[in-house]
Amino acid sequence: MLVKLIVILLLIDFQSCQRSLLDLRLTSQLDRSLNVIAKLNTSYLFPSVAEPNSIVSLWLLDRQTPTSFTQNKTNSNRYPLYDSRLLPRNTSISSRYPCLPSEQSCYQINIGSVSLEDLGVYSFRYDSSDYASTTTVKFNMTAYVDTIKFACTNNASSSSNASCGYNSDTQTLSVVANTNVQLTCSILVAQNDLYPIGAQFMFRSEAGDECLDVQTVTNVLDTSLAQSLIANWSSSMQRFNAIVASMSKSCAKRFVKGDVSKSFSCLFNPVDTSQQVGSFESVNVKLDVQYGPELINGNGFNRTAAVNDQKNITFSCPFSGNPAPSFFWRVATVWFNNSDAKLVTLTPGGWSAASSSAQFTVQSNLQVGYYSFECRAFVAGLVNSYSPNVTFYLEMMAPLPLVSNSGVNLGALIGGIVGGVFLIIILVILIVVMLKIHRNRQNPKDEIEKAKE
């Protein structure tokens, strides 16, 4: 009887094992890989990617075993990230290994201060509520050491003047309009030498992504140089192997004056940006497109005025630019045809001092004659250029006769009135005669009959 009971129990256990194996065979397994970036020596919170109603099972950190700890240099071991048996339950490190289904803190993990020792691939595994599917997400972490460096260089090697410049304090990019410039972003990164650097640069303007066909360049630094750039390098390298690299990307651009005040961005983010996970570093610059001096539509290049007509003459120098131009004026030539000591006399001379106003005013009490004035504009900044000279011509005519207000010539006034009346009488007589003649021509028979009677 005992033997029979043992056999029955074995059969039940065997069937249970069969069902378990069948369940295991039917369980689906999904693997996902995501790239994340974090800044060295700052906190980082891994994103939650578990689906609703799922059960988190564990977090693991994959990293290379140091050469000094093993004879196999290519060996890669898997360590628990943090063991709940060794850490208090309420620490900044919220992950447990392994996680219990009731521990919601396992859905995210926070690293208080990212160091070289934290670099590697973090495996996050969760199961569906019915255990029918298991998903493993691997986060490949890359750390950036410093902030993005933004630079601009002149593509035209034949030009002696700089055509662009970047002010990091105001994050303003100054460029000369219609010139070819090269924009470059660079940054230092660190990574476990067993895994790839999963980060890239992107350029973006208000029109969209720029220079998509240009790849991010990665140059691994020499160990001695890396040691000088990374603090605590020696102590970190006792536990795992890391590399430090310089990453950069360049974008050739040509801006026009219509791009003034627009924005241009350089972004450093994970390679797989479609998942929208991980942090990123960016620089958003404001464009200051400089141009000029540029001739604009102008009028009033030739003027005529009368002396003492109580209206000053104003000319406007027809140039614009960015930065705002400074204006200079001078009297170029003067031709007199008479002189009057009471009137102002101008003589040709040098350029005036710089003025922010484009206006130049000439008084109306000039000597009768012909004058020419010249103006030019200067745009500072990267343009650093003068405009061509523009010439304005002015003719000052003799003053109009002045009427005295002290009295009225009564004789002249009466003579004018009498003459006017006499002229009106003559005109009336002429009109009557003309009408009479016209009427006689229209009725000749009536005139003949009157003559016979």
Foldseek 3Di string as FASTA:
>chain_A
DVVVVVVVVVVVVVVVVVVVVVLVVQAAEAEAEFEAEAAAFAKDKFDQDDDPQKFWFAKKFKAFFACVVDVDRLDIDIDGPDDPVVDPCDDLFNDHVGDDRVRPSNSMGMDHGHHLLRAGWMWTKIAHNVNRYIYIYIYHYKYFHDAKDKAKAFPPPVDPFTQWGADPVQQAIEGEAQGKMKMKIKTKMKHFVNDDNFKFKWKAWPVGTAPPVWGKDKAWDDPVVVPVRDPPPVVSSVGGDMIMIMIMTMGIDHHHQVLAQTKMKMKMTGNPCVVVTYDIHMRIHTYQHWDDQDFDDADQLEEEEEAPPVDKDKGFDGGAIPVGKWKKKWWQDWDAPDDDPVADEDDTDDIDDTDSGRMDIGGRRHHATKTKMKMKIADDDSVGDIDDIRIGIYGYHYHDDDDDPPDDDVVVVVVVVVVVVVVVVVVVVVVVVVVVVVVCVVCVPVVVVVVVD
